[in-house]
């Protein structure tokens, strides 16, 4: 393994191949090297969690946009591919079940339009 260091001497990158950018050979069992890997793993976990949260929020936005477009008659629900229709209906049913069981309290769901 080869590493790149910043101006303070801290490891800022790792490569399997030596290059101008990664000139220094590294002991992959050294404490410094392992600490860098742990730090990068934490950053990746945070990034993944942030992306997943963003994806969930975006899904809800898309559902609301589809609701709005169908309600205004811009598109018909049946214009969507069958797989998309089924996924949207499944999510709508899940939200209704959660609401009826009072497991979640999402006021936005109360104002949502229905696909059918």
N, C-alpha and C. Protein backbone atom coordinates (compact mmCIF):
# COMPACT_ATOMS: atom_id res chain seq x y z
N UNK A 1 0.84 -1.17 0.00
CA UNK A 1 0.00 0.00 0.00
C UNK A 1 0.89 1.24 0.00
N UNK A 2 0.37 2.29 -0.63
CA UNK A 2 1.10 3.54 -0.73
C UNK A 2 0.20 4.66 -0.24
N UNK A 3 0.81 5.65 0.39
CA UNK A 3 0.03 6.71 1.01
C UNK A 3 0.41 8.08 0.48
N UNK A 4 -0.53 8.99 0.67
CA UNK A 4 -0.31 10.41 0.39
C UNK A 4 -0.49 11.13 1.71
N UNK A 5 0.38 12.08 1.99
CA UNK A 5 0.30 12.86 3.23
C UNK A 5 0.02 14.33 2.92
N UNK A 6 -0.62 15.00 3.89
CA UNK A 6 -0.83 16.44 3.73
C UNK A 6 0.41 17.19 4.23
N UNK A 7 0.35 18.50 4.24
CA UNK A 7 1.51 19.32 4.63
C UNK A 7 1.89 19.13 6.10
N UNK A 8 0.97 18.59 6.91
CA UNK A 8 1.26 18.33 8.34
C UNK A 8 1.79 16.91 8.56
N UNK A 9 1.87 16.13 7.50
CA UNK A 9 2.36 14.76 7.61
C UNK A 9 1.29 13.73 7.91
N UNK A 10 0.05 14.15 7.91
CA UNK A 10 -1.06 13.23 8.20
C UNK A 10 -1.47 12.49 6.92
N UNK A 11 -1.77 11.21 7.05
CA UNK A 11 -2.22 10.42 5.90
C UNK A 11 -3.57 10.96 5.42
N UNK A 12 -3.65 11.25 4.12
CA UNK A 12 -4.89 11.76 3.54
C UNK A 12 -5.37 10.92 2.36
N UNK A 13 -4.64 9.87 2.02
CA UNK A 13 -5.05 9.00 0.92
C UNK A 13 -4.23 7.74 0.87
N UNK A 14 -4.85 6.70 0.33
CA UNK A 14 -4.20 5.39 0.21
C UNK A 14 -4.43 4.86 -1.20
N UNK A 15 -3.40 4.21 -1.74
CA UNK A 15 -3.50 3.60 -3.05
C UNK A 15 -2.80 2.24 -3.03
N UNK A 16 -3.28 1.34 -3.87
CA UNK A 16 -2.61 0.05 -3.99
C UNK A 16 -1.37 0.14 -4.86
N UNK A 17 -1.30 1.19 -5.67
CA UNK A 17 -0.16 1.34 -6.57
C UNK A 17 0.60 2.62 -6.25
N UNK A 18 1.91 2.54 -6.42
CA UNK A 18 2.75 3.71 -6.19
C UNK A 18 2.65 4.64 -7.38
N UNK A 19 2.60 5.93 -7.09
CA UNK A 19 2.55 6.94 -8.14
C UNK A 19 3.13 8.23 -7.59
N UNK A 20 3.16 9.25 -8.41
CA UNK A 20 3.64 10.55 -7.96
C UNK A 20 2.76 11.06 -6.81
N UNK A 21 1.49 10.80 -6.90
CA UNK A 21 0.55 11.25 -5.87
C UNK A 21 0.63 10.42 -4.59
N UNK A 22 0.99 9.15 -4.72
CA UNK A 22 1.10 8.23 -3.58
C UNK A 22 2.50 7.61 -3.56
N UNK A 23 3.49 8.41 -3.17
CA UNK A 23 4.88 7.96 -3.30
C UNK A 23 5.39 7.07 -2.16
N UNK A 24 4.76 7.15 -1.01
CA UNK A 24 5.33 6.53 0.19
C UNK A 24 4.73 5.16 0.47
N UNK A 25 5.59 4.16 0.60
CA UNK A 25 5.13 2.82 1.00
C UNK A 25 4.70 2.88 2.45
N UNK A 26 3.65 2.13 2.77
CA UNK A 26 3.12 2.16 4.14
C UNK A 26 2.99 0.75 4.69
N UNK A 27 3.19 0.62 5.97
CA UNK A 27 2.95 -0.64 6.67
C UNK A 27 1.46 -0.68 7.00
N UNK A 28 0.75 -1.61 6.37
CA UNK A 28 -0.71 -1.64 6.55
C UNK A 28 -1.13 -2.16 7.93
N UNK A 29 -0.15 -2.44 8.79
CA UNK A 29 -0.46 -2.84 10.18
C UNK A 29 -0.08 -1.75 11.17
N UNK A 30 0.45 -0.64 10.65
CA UNK A 30 0.85 0.44 11.56
C UNK A 30 -0.38 1.10 12.17
N UNK A 31 -0.20 1.64 13.36
CA UNK A 31 -1.31 2.29 14.06
C UNK A 31 -1.85 3.47 13.25
N UNK A 32 -0.95 4.24 12.66
CA UNK A 32 -1.36 5.40 11.87
C UNK A 32 -2.22 4.97 10.68
N UNK A 33 -1.80 3.92 10.00
CA UNK A 33 -2.53 3.41 8.84
C UNK A 33 -3.91 2.90 9.25
N UNK A 34 -3.97 2.12 10.32
CA UNK A 34 -5.24 1.56 10.80
C UNK A 34 -6.17 2.66 11.30
N UNK A 35 -5.62 3.68 11.94
CA UNK A 35 -6.44 4.82 12.39
C UNK A 35 -7.07 5.53 11.19
N UNK A 36 -6.28 5.69 10.12
CA UNK A 36 -6.80 6.32 8.91
C UNK A 36 -7.96 5.51 8.35
N UNK A 37 -7.79 4.19 8.28
CA UNK A 37 -8.86 3.33 7.76
C UNK A 37 -10.12 3.42 8.61
N UNK A 38 -9.96 3.44 9.93
CA UNK A 38 -11.12 3.56 10.82
C UNK A 38 -11.85 4.87 10.58
N UNK A 39 -11.08 5.94 10.45
CA UNK A 39 -11.66 7.26 10.22
C UNK A 39 -12.43 7.28 8.89
N UNK A 40 -11.84 6.70 7.86
CA UNK A 40 -12.49 6.66 6.55
C UNK A 40 -13.76 5.80 6.60
N UNK A 41 -13.73 4.71 7.37
CA UNK A 41 -14.91 3.86 7.50
C UNK A 41 -16.04 4.63 8.19
N UNK A 42 -15.69 5.43 9.19
CA UNK A 42 -16.71 6.25 9.88
C UNK A 42 -17.30 7.27 8.92
N UNK A 43 -16.46 7.91 8.13
CA UNK A 43 -16.94 8.89 7.16
C UNK A 43 -17.88 8.22 6.15
N UNK A 44 -17.51 7.03 5.70
CA UNK A 44 -18.35 6.31 4.73
C UNK A 44 -19.69 5.95 5.34
N UNK A 45 -19.70 5.55 6.61
CA UNK A 45 -20.95 5.21 7.28
C UNK A 45 -21.84 6.43 7.41
N UNK A 46 -21.27 7.55 7.79
CA UNK A 46 -22.04 8.79 7.91
C UNK A 46 -22.59 9.20 6.54
N UNK A 47 -21.76 9.11 5.52
CA UNK A 47 -22.21 9.46 4.17
C UNK A 47 -23.34 8.54 3.72
N UNK A 48 -23.21 7.25 3.98
CA UNK A 48 -24.24 6.29 3.59
C UNK A 48 -25.55 6.58 4.31
N UNK A 49 -25.47 6.85 5.61
CA UNK A 49 -26.67 7.16 6.39
C UNK A 49 -27.33 8.43 5.88
N UNK A 50 -26.54 9.44 5.56
CA UNK A 50 -27.07 10.69 5.03
C UNK A 50 -27.76 10.46 3.69
N UNK A 51 -27.14 9.68 2.82
CA UNK A 51 -27.75 9.37 1.53
C UNK A 51 -29.06 8.61 1.70
N UNK A 52 -29.09 7.65 2.60
CA UNK A 52 -30.31 6.87 2.82
C UNK A 52 -31.43 7.76 3.34
N UNK A 53 -31.12 8.65 4.26
CA UNK A 53 -32.13 9.57 4.79
C UNK A 53 -32.64 10.48 3.67
N UNK A 54 -31.72 10.98 2.86
CA UNK A 54 -32.09 11.83 1.74
C UNK A 54 -32.95 11.07 0.74
N UNK A 55 -32.60 9.81 0.47
CA UNK A 55 -33.39 8.99 -0.45
C UNK A 55 -34.82 8.83 0.06
N UNK A 56 -34.96 8.58 1.35
CA UNK A 56 -36.29 8.40 1.93
C UNK A 56 -37.11 9.68 1.79
N UNK A 57 -36.48 10.82 2.06
CA UNK A 57 -37.18 12.09 1.93
C UNK A 57 -37.55 12.36 0.47
N UNK A 58 -36.66 12.04 -0.45
CA UNK A 58 -36.92 12.27 -1.86
C UNK A 58 -38.05 11.37 -2.36
N UNK A 59 -38.10 10.14 -1.88
CA UNK A 59 -39.19 9.24 -2.26
C UNK A 59 -40.52 9.86 -1.89
N UNK A 60 -40.60 10.42 -0.69
CA UNK A 60 -41.85 11.04 -0.26
C UNK A 60 -42.20 12.24 -1.14
N UNK A 61 -41.21 13.03 -1.52
CA UNK A 61 -41.44 14.16 -2.41
C UNK A 61 -41.99 13.67 -3.75
N UNK A 62 -41.38 12.62 -4.30
CA UNK A 62 -41.84 12.08 -5.58
C UNK A 62 -43.27 11.55 -5.48
N UNK A 63 -43.59 10.89 -4.37
CA UNK A 63 -44.96 10.42 -4.17
C UNK A 63 -45.94 11.60 -4.18
N UNK A 64 -45.57 12.67 -3.49
CA UNK A 64 -46.45 13.84 -3.44
C UNK A 64 -46.59 14.50 -4.81
N UNK A 65 -45.50 14.55 -5.57
CA UNK A 65 -45.56 15.12 -6.93
C UNK A 65 -46.48 14.28 -7.81
N UNK A 66 -46.35 12.96 -7.72
CA UNK A 66 -47.22 12.08 -8.50
C UNK A 66 -48.67 12.26 -8.08
N UNK A 67 -48.91 12.36 -6.77
CA UNK A 67 -50.27 12.63 -6.27
C UNK A 67 -50.83 13.91 -6.88
N UNK A 68 -50.02 14.97 -6.85
CA UNK A 68 -50.46 16.26 -7.36
C UNK A 68 -50.76 16.20 -8.85
N UNK A 69 -49.86 15.59 -9.61
CA UNK A 69 -50.05 15.50 -11.06
C UNK A 69 -51.28 14.68 -11.42
N UNK A 70 -51.53 13.60 -10.69
CA UNK A 70 -52.72 12.80 -10.98
C UNK A 70 -53.98 13.53 -10.55
N UNK A 71 -53.93 14.21 -9.41
CA UNK A 71 -55.09 14.96 -8.92
C UNK A 71 -55.48 16.07 -9.89
N UNK A 72 -54.49 16.75 -10.47
CA UNK A 72 -54.75 17.85 -11.40
C UNK A 72 -55.05 17.35 -12.82
N UNK A 73 -54.94 16.05 -13.03
CA UNK A 73 -55.24 15.49 -14.33
C UNK A 73 -54.12 15.63 -15.35
N UNK A 74 -52.94 15.99 -14.90
CA UNK A 74 -51.81 16.13 -15.81
C UNK A 74 -51.40 14.75 -16.32
N UNK A 75 -51.42 13.77 -15.43
CA UNK A 75 -51.17 12.38 -15.80
C UNK A 75 -52.24 11.51 -15.17
N UNK A 76 -52.40 10.34 -15.72
CA UNK A 76 -53.28 9.33 -15.12
C UNK A 76 -52.40 8.36 -14.36
N UNK A 77 -52.90 7.87 -13.24
CA UNK A 77 -52.13 6.90 -12.46
C UNK A 77 -51.78 5.71 -13.33
N UNK A 78 -52.69 5.32 -14.22
CA UNK A 78 -52.46 4.17 -15.09
C UNK A 78 -51.44 4.45 -16.19
N UNK A 79 -51.03 5.72 -16.36
CA UNK A 79 -49.96 6.04 -17.30
C UNK A 79 -48.60 5.56 -16.79
N UNK A 80 -48.50 5.39 -15.50
CA UNK A 80 -47.24 4.93 -14.90
C UNK A 80 -47.05 3.45 -15.21
N UNK A 81 -45.80 2.99 -15.27
CA UNK A 81 -45.56 1.56 -15.46
C UNK A 81 -46.22 0.76 -14.34
N UNK A 82 -46.62 -0.47 -14.66
CA UNK A 82 -47.31 -1.32 -13.67
C UNK A 82 -46.48 -1.48 -12.40
N UNK A 83 -45.18 -1.67 -12.55
CA UNK A 83 -44.32 -1.85 -11.37
C UNK A 83 -44.35 -0.60 -10.48
N UNK A 84 -44.32 0.57 -11.10
CA UNK A 84 -44.38 1.83 -10.33
C UNK A 84 -45.73 1.97 -9.65
N UNK A 85 -46.80 1.62 -10.36
CA UNK A 85 -48.14 1.68 -9.75
C UNK A 85 -48.19 0.80 -8.51
N UNK A 86 -47.68 -0.41 -8.62
CA UNK A 86 -47.74 -1.35 -7.50
C UNK A 86 -46.92 -0.85 -6.32
N UNK A 87 -45.75 -0.31 -6.59
CA UNK A 87 -44.91 0.20 -5.50
C UNK A 87 -45.58 1.38 -4.81
N UNK A 88 -46.16 2.27 -5.59
CA UNK A 88 -46.84 3.42 -4.99
C UNK A 88 -48.05 2.98 -4.16
N UNK A 89 -48.81 2.04 -4.67
CA UNK A 89 -49.96 1.53 -3.92
C UNK A 89 -49.52 0.83 -2.64
N UNK A 90 -48.45 0.06 -2.73
CA UNK A 90 -47.93 -0.62 -1.53
C UNK A 90 -47.51 0.39 -0.47
N UNK A 91 -46.81 1.43 -0.88
CA UNK A 91 -46.38 2.46 0.09
C UNK A 91 -47.58 3.20 0.66
N UNK A 92 -48.56 3.47 -0.17
CA UNK A 92 -49.76 4.15 0.32
C UNK A 92 -50.46 3.27 1.37
N UNK A 93 -50.56 1.98 1.10
CA UNK A 93 -51.19 1.07 2.07
C UNK A 93 -50.39 1.00 3.36
N UNK A 94 -49.08 0.96 3.26
CA UNK A 94 -48.24 0.94 4.46
C UNK A 94 -48.45 2.19 5.30
N UNK A 95 -48.49 3.36 4.65
CA UNK A 95 -48.72 4.60 5.39
C UNK A 95 -50.08 4.60 6.06
N UNK A 96 -51.11 4.12 5.34
CA UNK A 96 -52.45 4.05 5.92
C UNK A 96 -52.49 3.11 7.12
N UNK A 97 -51.82 1.97 7.01
CA UNK A 97 -51.78 1.02 8.13
C UNK A 97 -51.07 1.62 9.33
N UNK A 98 -49.97 2.31 9.10
CA UNK A 98 -49.25 2.95 10.20
C UNK A 98 -50.12 4.01 10.86
N UNK A 99 -50.80 4.79 10.03
CA UNK A 99 -51.65 5.86 10.56
C UNK A 99 -52.79 5.26 11.38
N UNK A 100 -53.39 4.20 10.87
CA UNK A 100 -54.53 3.61 11.59
C UNK A 100 -54.09 2.96 12.90
N UNK A 101 -52.85 2.49 12.96
CA UNK A 101 -52.33 1.90 14.19
C UNK A 101 -51.71 2.95 15.10
N UNK A 102 -51.66 4.20 14.60
CA UNK A 102 -51.07 5.32 15.34
C UNK A 102 -49.61 5.05 15.72
N UNK A 103 -48.90 4.37 14.81
CA UNK A 103 -47.48 4.12 15.04
C UNK A 103 -46.63 5.33 14.69
N UNK A 104 -47.13 6.12 13.72
CA UNK A 104 -46.40 7.33 13.37
C UNK A 104 -47.39 8.47 13.31
N UNK A 105 -46.92 9.66 13.52
CA UNK A 105 -47.76 10.84 13.44
C UNK A 105 -47.20 11.79 12.42
N UNK A 106 -47.57 11.60 11.19
CA UNK A 106 -47.08 12.44 10.10
C UNK A 106 -48.25 13.26 9.60
N UNK A 107 -48.33 14.51 10.06
CA UNK A 107 -49.44 15.37 9.67
C UNK A 107 -49.52 15.55 8.17
N UNK A 108 -48.37 15.48 7.49
CA UNK A 108 -48.38 15.63 6.04
C UNK A 108 -49.19 14.52 5.39
N UNK A 109 -49.18 13.33 5.96
CA UNK A 109 -49.92 12.22 5.39
C UNK A 109 -51.41 12.51 5.36
N UNK A 110 -51.91 13.28 6.32
CA UNK A 110 -53.33 13.58 6.40
C UNK A 110 -53.79 14.37 5.18
N UNK A 111 -52.89 15.18 4.62
CA UNK A 111 -53.25 16.03 3.49
C UNK A 111 -52.92 15.39 2.15
N UNK A 112 -52.30 14.23 2.16
CA UNK A 112 -51.89 13.58 0.92
C UNK A 112 -53.10 13.13 0.12
N UNK A 113 -52.94 13.17 -1.17
CA UNK A 113 -53.99 12.69 -2.06
C UNK A 113 -53.87 11.19 -2.21
N UNK A 114 -54.92 10.55 -2.63
CA UNK A 114 -54.92 9.11 -2.84
C UNK A 114 -54.76 8.84 -4.34
N UNK A 115 -54.11 7.74 -4.66
CA UNK A 115 -53.89 7.40 -6.06
C UNK A 115 -55.16 6.95 -6.75
N UNK A 116 -56.04 6.31 -6.04
CA UNK A 116 -57.25 5.76 -6.67
C UNK A 116 -58.45 6.61 -6.41
